């Protein structure tokens, strides 16, 4: 189980780039917890979504040890 405090960390405190943070905010994502709860089908339909940003998101989740849980969440 992931600590709630980790999920509430803003992207900027995790050291990700400003461009990633700005695009995430335009997508309505402000922290790791938002990412973990996101509906991927709806996210991909958002006008601000790009696959380059999505690849960066997956890298961030992997770095934080959350990628597997994210994938499982998408399947349920």
Protein backbone atom coordinates (compact mmCIF):
# COMPACT_ATOMS: atom_id res chain seq x y z
CA UNK A 1 0.00 0.00 0.00
CA UNK A 2 1.23 3.48 -0.89
CA UNK A 3 1.40 6.12 1.81
CA UNK A 4 -1.25 8.81 1.41
CA UNK A 5 1.37 11.51 1.95
CA UNK A 6 3.22 10.31 -1.16
CA UNK A 7 0.03 10.51 -3.21
CA UNK A 8 -0.61 14.07 -2.04
CA UNK A 9 2.81 15.35 -3.16
CA UNK A 10 2.62 17.98 -5.86
CA UNK A 11 4.47 17.23 -9.06
CA UNK A 12 6.87 20.11 -8.53
CA UNK A 13 8.07 18.59 -5.22
CA UNK A 14 8.86 15.39 -7.13
CA UNK A 15 11.28 17.25 -9.38
CA UNK A 16 9.40 16.96 -12.66
CA UNK A 17 9.67 19.66 -15.28
CA UNK A 18 7.51 22.75 -15.38
CA UNK A 19 6.06 21.84 -18.78
CA UNK A 20 4.87 18.47 -17.42
CA UNK A 21 3.33 20.17 -14.38
CA UNK A 22 1.49 22.75 -16.49
CA UNK A 23 0.07 20.16 -18.85
CA UNK A 24 -0.95 17.94 -15.94
CA UNK A 25 -2.81 20.86 -14.38
CA UNK A 26 -4.59 21.58 -17.66
CA UNK A 27 -5.66 17.93 -17.59
CA UNK A 28 -6.96 18.37 -14.05
CA UNK A 29 -4.16 16.40 -12.37
CA UNK A 30 -2.36 18.04 -9.45
CA UNK A 31 -0.62 15.17 -7.66
CA UNK A 32 0.11 11.45 -7.79
CA UNK A 33 -3.21 10.68 -6.14
CA UNK A 34 -5.04 12.36 -9.02
CA UNK A 35 -3.08 10.22 -11.47
CA UNK A 36 -3.87 7.04 -9.61
CA UNK A 37 -7.62 7.79 -9.72
CA UNK A 38 -7.82 9.06 -13.29
CA UNK A 39 -10.14 7.50 -15.84
CA UNK A 40 -7.70 6.82 -18.67
CA UNK A 41 -10.39 6.65 -21.36
CA UNK A 42 -11.64 10.13 -20.42
CA UNK A 43 -8.12 11.47 -20.02
CA UNK A 44 -7.16 10.41 -23.54
CA UNK A 45 -10.18 12.31 -24.92
CA UNK A 46 -9.14 15.57 -23.23
CA UNK A 47 -8.00 18.21 -25.73
CA UNK A 48 -4.75 18.77 -23.78
CA UNK A 49 -3.76 15.07 -23.77
CA UNK A 50 -0.68 13.99 -25.73
CA UNK A 51 1.03 10.63 -25.82
CA UNK A 52 4.38 12.29 -25.16
CA UNK A 53 3.02 13.64 -21.88
CA UNK A 54 1.45 10.24 -21.13
CA UNK A 55 4.83 8.54 -21.62
CA UNK A 56 6.36 11.00 -19.14
CA UNK A 57 3.51 10.27 -16.73
CA UNK A 58 4.19 6.54 -16.94
CA UNK A 59 7.90 7.18 -16.32
CA UNK A 60 7.04 9.24 -13.24
CA UNK A 61 4.74 6.52 -11.91
CA UNK A 62 7.48 3.95 -12.48
CA UNK A 63 10.05 6.10 -10.65
CA UNK A 64 7.64 6.41 -7.73
CA UNK A 65 6.91 2.67 -7.64
CA UNK A 66 3.29 3.22 -8.65
CA UNK A 67 3.14 1.98 -12.23
CA UNK A 68 1.90 -1.52 -11.46
CA UNK A 69 -0.84 -0.19 -9.16
CA UNK A 70 -1.86 2.35 -11.81
CA UNK A 71 -2.16 -0.42 -14.39
CA UNK A 72 -4.20 -2.55 -12.01
CA UNK A 73 -6.48 0.39 -11.26
CA UNK A 74 -7.14 0.84 -14.97
CA UNK A 75 -8.21 -2.79 -15.31
CA UNK A 76 -10.71 -2.68 -12.49
